Amino acid sequence: MDGANSNHAAVVRARSPNRRTGGRLSSARQSRQVVERKTVAEKLASELRDEQRRLNAEQRRLNDATAEMQGRLRIPLRGYGEQLGAATGYWADGWIGGKFAVTLKPELKVRIVELRLWQPADRWKVQSMLVSVADISQTLALWPGQCARLNMRVALPAQQPFSLEISAQSTWRAPGEDDRELAGQLLGVWLWH
């Protein structure tokens, strides 16, 4: 029985893998292939890192250009005054979101701030909006398919910046691939002196 166990142990040792080479005897050719694969993998990883850095730099440039364009975007303002900085919640096609804000600086005293807004007829709901000029607020009802006009009596001094804010009770998503949350279209802001 001792002889059978020793034969079995010799067979098991012969079948057991060489732990250093993963069960196979390595050759110089296999070693070169491993080194070549490692070199190729390192080169590809380096190229991937370079491409990622390039894409990040391109994304930063795109973000900067977008911010610059947003800063240049002007609301439809009429009267003697100017817009200071970028309007938030406003897009180049005149649509506003649920929260709109802009800072305006009148050149002359302002007695009335007039706003005109519109929403499409396929909107089934009357839009309620809170309009704030400086520290005065009024509610505006925007009916589907109609233009709403709001005249706010104010007493704003010349050269004194003030904020104009519009908060919509609800928003809706434009059809198609446009994913903006819209509240209405700003047709104009008039400063009456």
C-alpha atoms as a PDB file:
ATOM      1  CA  MET A   1       0.000   0.000   0.000  1.00  0.00           C
ATOM      2  CA  ASP A   2       2.908   2.333   0.649  1.00  0.00           C
ATOM      3  CA  GLY A   3       4.154   1.763  -2.896  1.00  0.00           C
ATOM      4  CA  ALA A   4       0.749   2.657  -4.415  1.00  0.00           C
ATOM      5  CA  ASN A   5       0.568   5.904  -2.424  1.00  0.00           C
ATOM      6  CA  SER A   6       4.051   6.939  -3.492  1.00  0.00           C
ATOM      7  CA  ASN A   7       3.205   6.276  -7.185  1.00  0.00           C
ATOM      8  CA  HIS A   8       0.008   8.314  -6.845  1.00  0.00           C
ATOM      9  CA  ALA A   9       1.958  11.198  -5.245  1.00  0.00           C
ATOM     10  CA  ALA A  10       4.477  11.140  -8.135  1.00  0.00           C
ATOM     11  CA  VAL A  11       1.630  11.349 -10.697  1.00  0.00           C
ATOM     12  CA  VAL A  12      -0.017  14.235  -8.822  1.00  0.00           C
ATOM     13  CA  ARG A  13       3.317  16.111  -8.679  1.00  0.00           C
ATOM     14  CA  ALA A  14       3.820  15.568 -12.398  1.00  0.00           C
ATOM     15  CA  ARG A  15       0.345  16.987 -13.153  1.00  0.00           C
ATOM     16  CA  SER A  16       0.520  19.905 -10.735  1.00  0.00           C
ATOM     17  CA  PRO A  17       1.065  23.232 -12.478  1.00  0.00           C
ATOM     18  CA  ASN A  18       4.221  25.218 -12.224  1.00  0.00           C
ATOM     19  CA  ARG A  19       3.046  28.085 -10.018  1.00  0.00           C
ATOM     20  CA  ARG A  20       5.351  30.701 -11.528  1.00  0.00           C
ATOM     21  CA  THR A  21       4.264  30.279 -15.164  1.00  0.00           C
ATOM     22  CA  GLY A  22       0.575  29.492 -14.688  1.00  0.00           C
ATOM     23  CA  GLY A  23       0.876  25.773 -15.404  1.00  0.00           C
ATOM     24  CA  ARG A  24       3.009  26.028 -18.537  1.00  0.00           C
ATOM     25  CA  LEU A  25       6.673  26.168 -19.016  1.00  0.00           C
ATOM     26  CA  SER A  26       7.591  29.579 -20.364  1.00  0.00           C
ATOM     27  CA  SER A  27       9.812  30.126 -23.330  1.00  0.00           C
ATOM     28  CA  ALA A  28      11.754  33.169 -24.477  1.00  0.00           C
ATOM     29  CA  ARG A  29       9.203  33.715 -27.257  1.00  0.00           C
ATOM     30  CA  GLN A  30       6.299  33.756 -24.780  1.00  0.00           C
ATOM     31  CA  SER A  31       8.204  36.178 -22.558  1.00  0.00           C
ATOM     32  CA  ARG A  32       8.761  38.526 -25.505  1.00  0.00           C
ATOM     33  CA  GLN A  33       5.054  38.359 -26.390  1.00  0.00           C
ATOM     34  CA  VAL A  34       4.096  39.264 -22.829  1.00  0.00           C
ATOM     35  CA  VAL A  35       6.515  42.213 -22.858  1.00  0.00           C
ATOM     36  CA  GLU A  36       5.220  43.353 -26.287  1.00  0.00           C
ATOM     37  CA  ARG A  37       1.590  43.134 -25.142  1.00  0.00           C
ATOM     38  CA  LYS A  38       2.425  45.101 -22.021  1.00  0.00           C
ATOM     39  CA  THR A  39       4.190  47.772 -24.123  1.00  0.00           C
ATOM     40  CA  VAL A  40       1.211  48.017 -26.497  1.00  0.00           C
ATOM     41  CA  ALA A  41      -1.210  48.230 -23.563  1.00  0.00           C
ATOM     42  CA  GLU A  42       0.846  50.993 -21.915  1.00  0.00           C
ATOM     43  CA  LYS A  43       0.984  52.918 -25.218  1.00  0.00           C
ATOM     44  CA  LEU A  44      -2.790  52.596 -25.680  1.00  0.00           C
ATOM     45  CA  ALA A  45      -3.386  53.716 -22.092  1.00  0.00           C
ATOM     46  CA  SER A  46      -1.141  56.746 -22.656  1.00  0.00           C
ATOM     47  CA  GLU A  47      -2.996  57.630 -25.877  1.00  0.00           C
ATOM     48  CA  LEU A  48      -6.306  57.254 -24.050  1.00  0.00           C
ATOM     49  CA  ARG A  49      -5.131  59.607 -21.252  1.00  0.00           C
ATOM     50  CA  ASP A  50      -3.972  62.156 -23.870  1.00  0.00           C
ATOM     51  CA  GLU A  51      -7.327  61.938 -25.672  1.00  0.00           C
ATOM     52  CA  GLN A  52      -9.189  62.378 -22.357  1.00  0.00           C
ATOM     53  CA  ARG A  53      -7.108  65.488 -21.566  1.00  0.00           C
ATOM     54  CA  ARG A  54      -7.865  66.863 -25.040  1.00  0.00           C
ATOM     55  CA  LEU A  55     -11.596  66.214 -24.615  1.00  0.00           C
ATOM     56  CA  ASN A  56     -11.578  67.858 -21.167  1.00  0.00           C
ATOM     57  CA  ALA A  57      -9.844  70.944 -22.586  1.00  0.00           C
ATOM     58  CA  GLU A  58     -12.361  71.038 -25.457  1.00  0.00           C
ATOM     59  CA  GLN A  59     -15.253  70.763 -22.976  1.00  0.00           C
ATOM     60  CA  ARG A  60     -13.826  73.663 -20.932  1.00  0.00           C
ATOM     61  CA  ARG A  61     -13.562  75.791 -24.106  1.00  0.00           C
ATOM     62  CA  LEU A  62     -17.156  74.908 -25.025  1.00  0.00           C
ATOM     63  CA  ASN A  63     -18.378  75.786 -21.511  1.00  0.00           C
ATOM     64  CA  ASP A  64     -16.513  79.115 -21.632  1.00  0.00           C
ATOM     65  CA  ALA A  65     -17.964  79.933 -25.066  1.00  0.00           C
ATOM     66  CA  THR A  66     -21.470  79.033 -23.857  1.00  0.00           C
ATOM     67  CA  ALA A  67     -21.084  81.255 -20.781  1.00  0.00           C
ATOM     68  CA  GLU A  68     -19.810  84.108 -22.966  1.00  0.00           C
ATOM     69  CA  MET A  69     -22.743  83.733 -25.385  1.00  0.00           C
ATOM     70  CA  GLN A  70     -25.176  83.608 -22.458  1.00  0.00           C
ATOM     71  CA  GLY A  71     -23.654  86.822 -21.097  1.00  0.00           C
ATOM     72  CA  ARG A  72     -24.167  88.565 -24.445  1.00  0.00           C
ATOM     73  CA  LEU A  73     -27.792  87.424 -24.777  1.00  0.00           C
ATOM     74  CA  ARG A  74     -30.178  90.359 -24.322  1.00  0.00           C
ATOM     75  CA  ILE A  75     -33.876  90.387 -23.496  1.00  0.00           C
ATOM     76  CA  PRO A  76     -36.197  92.452 -25.743  1.00  0.00           C
ATOM     77  CA  LEU A  77     -35.910  95.715 -23.762  1.00  0.00           C
ATOM     78  CA  ARG A  78     -37.500  98.968 -24.923  1.00  0.00           C
ATOM     79  CA  GLY A  79     -37.006 102.386 -23.363  1.00  0.00           C
ATOM     80  CA  TYR A  80     -34.004 104.200 -21.965  1.00  0.00           C
ATOM     81  CA  GLY A  81     -32.176 101.521 -20.046  1.00  0.00           C
ATOM     82  CA  GLU A  82     -29.768  98.648 -20.340  1.00  0.00           C
ATOM     83  CA  GLN A  83     -29.453  95.059 -19.196  1.00  0.00           C
ATOM     84  CA  LEU A  84     -26.651  94.365 -16.717  1.00  0.00           C
ATOM     85  CA  GLY A  85     -25.158  90.910 -17.063  1.00  0.00           C
ATOM     86  CA  ALA A  86     -26.873  87.741 -18.178  1.00  0.00           C
ATOM     87  CA  ALA A  87     -30.541  86.940 -17.692  1.00  0.00           C
ATOM     88  CA  THR A  88     -31.211  83.618 -15.958  1.00  0.00           C
ATOM     89  CA  GLY A  89     -33.998  81.378 -17.203  1.00  0.00           C
ATOM     90  CA  TYR A  90     -33.997  83.033 -20.648  1.00  0.00           C
ATOM     91  CA  TRP A  91     -33.117  81.563 -24.052  1.00  0.00           C
ATOM     92  CA  ALA A  92     -32.203  83.185 -27.371  1.00  0.00           C
ATOM     93  CA  ASP A  93     -35.586  82.301 -28.916  1.00  0.00           C
ATOM     94  CA  GLY A  94     -37.386  84.395 -26.276  1.00  0.00           C
ATOM     95  CA  TRP A  95     -38.696  81.573 -24.084  1.00  0.00           C
ATOM     96  CA  ILE A  96     -38.401  81.822 -20.318  1.00  0.00           C
ATOM     97  CA  GLY A  97     -38.292  79.052 -17.751  1.00  0.00           C
ATOM     98  CA  GLY A  98     -40.074  78.721 -14.433  1.00  0.00           C
ATOM     99  CA  LYS A  99     -37.609  81.126 -12.784  1.00  0.00           C
ATOM    100  CA  PHE A 100     -36.541  84.173 -14.782  1.00  0.00           C
ATOM    101  CA  ALA A 101     -34.390  87.039 -13.472  1.00  0.00           C
ATOM    102  CA  VAL A 102     -32.558  89.973 -14.999  1.00  0.00           C
ATOM    103  CA  THR A 103     -30.993  93.182 -13.690  1.00  0.00           C
ATOM    104  CA  LEU A 104     -31.841  96.396 -15.524  1.00  0.00           C
ATOM    105  CA  LYS A 105     -30.409  99.903 -15.185  1.00  0.00           C
ATOM    106  CA  PRO A 106     -32.653 102.765 -16.362  1.00  0.00           C
ATOM    107  CA  GLU A 107     -31.100 105.925 -17.772  1.00  0.00           C
ATOM    108  CA  LEU A 108     -34.132 108.034 -16.737  1.00  0.00           C
ATOM    109  CA  LYS A 109     -36.725 107.738 -13.944  1.00  0.00           C
ATOM    110  CA  VAL A 110     -39.159 104.882 -14.600  1.00  0.00           C
ATOM    111  CA  ARG A 111     -42.909 105.296 -13.899  1.00  0.00           C
ATOM    112  CA  ILE A 112     -44.176 102.057 -15.461  1.00  0.00           C
ATOM    113  CA  VAL A 113     -42.577  98.710 -16.273  1.00  0.00           C
ATOM    114  CA  GLU A 114     -44.605  96.894 -18.914  1.00  0.00           C
ATOM    115  CA  LEU A 115     -44.241  93.222 -19.769  1.00  0.00           C
ATOM    116  CA  ARG A 116     -45.764  91.205 -22.588  1.00  0.00           C
ATOM    117  CA  LEU A 117     -45.759  87.421 -22.501  1.00  0.00           C
ATOM    118  CA  TRP A 118     -47.314  84.679 -24.636  1.00  0.00           C
ATOM    119  CA  GLN A 119     -47.872  80.937 -24.485  1.00  0.00           C
ATOM    120  CA  PRO A 120     -49.052  78.636 -27.297  1.00  0.00           C
ATOM    121  CA  ALA A 121     -52.704  77.714 -27.804  1.00  0.00           C
ATOM    122  CA  ASP A 122     -52.014  73.993 -27.348  1.00  0.00           C
ATOM    123  CA  ARG A 123     -51.257  74.656 -23.670  1.00  0.00           C
ATOM    124  CA  TRP A 124     -54.413  73.594 -21.914  1.00  0.00           C
ATOM    125  CA  LYS A 125     -53.770  75.465 -18.694  1.00  0.00           C
ATOM    126  CA  VAL A 126     -53.829  79.129 -17.657  1.00  0.00           C
ATOM    127  CA  GLN A 127     -50.341  80.020 -16.473  1.00  0.00           C
ATOM    128  CA  SER A 128     -50.116  82.030 -13.265  1.00  0.00           C
ATOM    129  CA  MET A 129     -46.936  84.064 -12.865  1.00  0.00           C
ATOM    130  CA  LEU A 130     -45.622  86.238 -10.080  1.00  0.00           C
ATOM    131  CA  VAL A 131     -43.823  89.272 -11.527  1.00  0.00           C
ATOM    132  CA  SER A 132     -41.522  91.265  -9.230  1.00  0.00           C
ATOM    133  CA  VAL A 133     -39.925  94.620 -10.042  1.00  0.00           C
ATOM    134  CA  ALA A 134     -37.604  95.829  -7.290  1.00  0.00           C
ATOM    135  CA  ASP A 135     -39.813  95.279  -4.199  1.00  0.00           C
ATOM    136  CA  ILE A 136     -43.232  95.387  -5.955  1.00  0.00           C
ATOM    137  CA  SER A 137     -44.975  92.154  -6.987  1.00  0.00           C
ATOM    138  CA  GLN A 138     -48.061  91.431  -9.079  1.00  0.00           C
ATOM    139  CA  THR A 139     -49.675  88.290 -10.439  1.00  0.00           C
ATOM    140  CA  LEU A 140     -50.154  87.807 -14.170  1.00  0.00           C
ATOM    141  CA  ALA A 141     -52.545  85.276 -15.758  1.00  0.00           C
ATOM    142  CA  LEU A 142     -51.260  83.976 -19.076  1.00  0.00           C
ATOM    143  CA  TRP A 143     -54.050  82.348 -21.113  1.00  0.00           C
ATOM    144  CA  PRO A 144     -53.262  79.739 -23.793  1.00  0.00           C
ATOM    145  CA  GLY A 145     -52.852  81.268 -27.243  1.00  0.00           C
ATOM    146  CA  GLN A 146     -53.066  84.842 -26.037  1.00  0.00           C
ATOM    147  CA  CYS A 147     -50.638  87.643 -25.306  1.00  0.00           C
ATOM    148  CA  ALA A 148     -50.751  88.907 -21.719  1.00  0.00           C
ATOM    149  CA  ARG A 149     -49.745  92.428 -20.834  1.00  0.00           C
ATOM    150  CA  LEU A 150     -48.895  93.698 -17.365  1.00  0.00           C
ATOM    151  CA  ASN A 151     -48.272  97.350 -16.476  1.00  0.00           C
ATOM    152  CA  MET A 152     -46.634  97.819 -13.095  1.00  0.00           C
ATOM    153  CA  ARG A 153     -46.647 101.320 -11.615  1.00  0.00           C
ATOM    154  CA  VAL A 154     -43.274 101.996 -10.027  1.00  0.00           C
ATOM    155  CA  ALA A 155     -41.087 104.890  -8.971  1.00  0.00           C
ATOM    156  CA  LEU A 156     -37.582 103.848  -9.968  1.00  0.00           C
ATOM    157  CA  PRO A 157     -34.787 106.446  -9.919  1.00  0.00           C
ATOM    158  CA  ALA A 158     -32.479 106.991 -12.868  1.00  0.00           C
ATOM    159  CA  GLN A 159     -29.165 105.112 -12.919  1.00  0.00           C
ATOM    160  CA  GLN A 160     -30.302 102.827 -10.064  1.00  0.00           C
ATOM    161  CA  PRO A 161     -30.186  99.106 -11.090  1.00  0.00           C
ATOM    162  CA  PHE A 162     -33.244  97.019 -10.228  1.00  0.00           C
ATOM    163  CA  SER A 163     -34.196  93.377 -10.645  1.00  0.00           C
ATOM    164  CA  LEU A 164     -37.038  92.011 -12.733  1.00  0.00           C
ATOM    165  CA  GLU A 165     -38.099  88.495 -11.752  1.00  0.00           C
ATOM    166  CA  ILE A 166     -40.812  86.171 -13.018  1.00  0.00           C
ATOM    167  CA  SER A 167     -41.780  82.980 -11.181  1.00  0.00           C
ATOM    168  CA  ALA A 168     -44.203  80.636 -12.947  1.00  0.00           C
ATOM    169  CA  GLN A 169     -46.573  78.412 -11.035  1.00  0.00           C
ATOM    170  CA  SER A 170     -45.926  75.569 -13.487  1.00  0.00           C
ATOM    171  CA  THR A 171     -43.792  74.748 -16.515  1.00  0.00           C
ATOM    172  CA  TRP A 172     -44.206  72.509 -19.524  1.00  0.00           C
ATOM    173  CA  ARG A 173     -41.868  70.691 -21.862  1.00  0.00           C
ATOM    174  CA  ALA A 174     -41.710  71.724 -25.509  1.00  0.00           C
ATOM    175  CA  PRO A 175     -42.529  68.992 -28.058  1.00  0.00           C
ATOM    176  CA  GLY A 176     -39.803  67.107 -29.869  1.00  0.00           C
ATOM    177  CA  GLU A 177     -36.254  66.827 -28.641  1.00  0.00           C
ATOM    178  CA  ASP A 178     -36.320  70.164 -26.803  1.00  0.00           C
ATOM    179  CA  ASP A 179     -35.890  69.274 -23.124  1.00  0.00           C
ATOM    180  CA  ARG A 180     -36.288  72.790 -21.672  1.00  0.00           C
ATOM    181  CA  GLU A 181     -38.886  73.452 -18.979  1.00  0.00           C
ATOM    182  CA  LEU A 182     -40.780  76.459 -20.371  1.00  0.00           C
ATOM    183  CA  ALA A 183     -43.230  78.900 -18.792  1.00  0.00           C
ATOM    184  CA  GLY A 184     -43.928  81.345 -21.640  1.00  0.00           C
ATOM    185  CA  GLN A 185     -42.371  83.534 -24.278  1.00  0.00           C
ATOM    186  CA  LEU A 186     -41.161  87.008 -23.318  1.00  0.00           C
ATOM    187  CA  LEU A 187     -42.237  89.350 -26.107  1.00  0.00           C
ATOM    188  CA  GLY A 188     -40.890  92.506 -24.548  1.00  0.00           C
ATOM    189  CA  VAL A 189     -40.142  94.674 -21.526  1.00  0.00           C
ATOM    190  CA  TRP A 190     -40.877  98.400 -21.792  1.00  0.00           C
ATOM    191  CA  LEU A 191     -39.550 101.065 -19.456  1.00  0.00           C
ATOM    192  CA  TRP A 192     -41.921 104.050 -19.500  1.00  0.00           C
ATOM    193  CA  HIS A 193     -40.344 107.262 -18.230  1.00  0.00           C
END
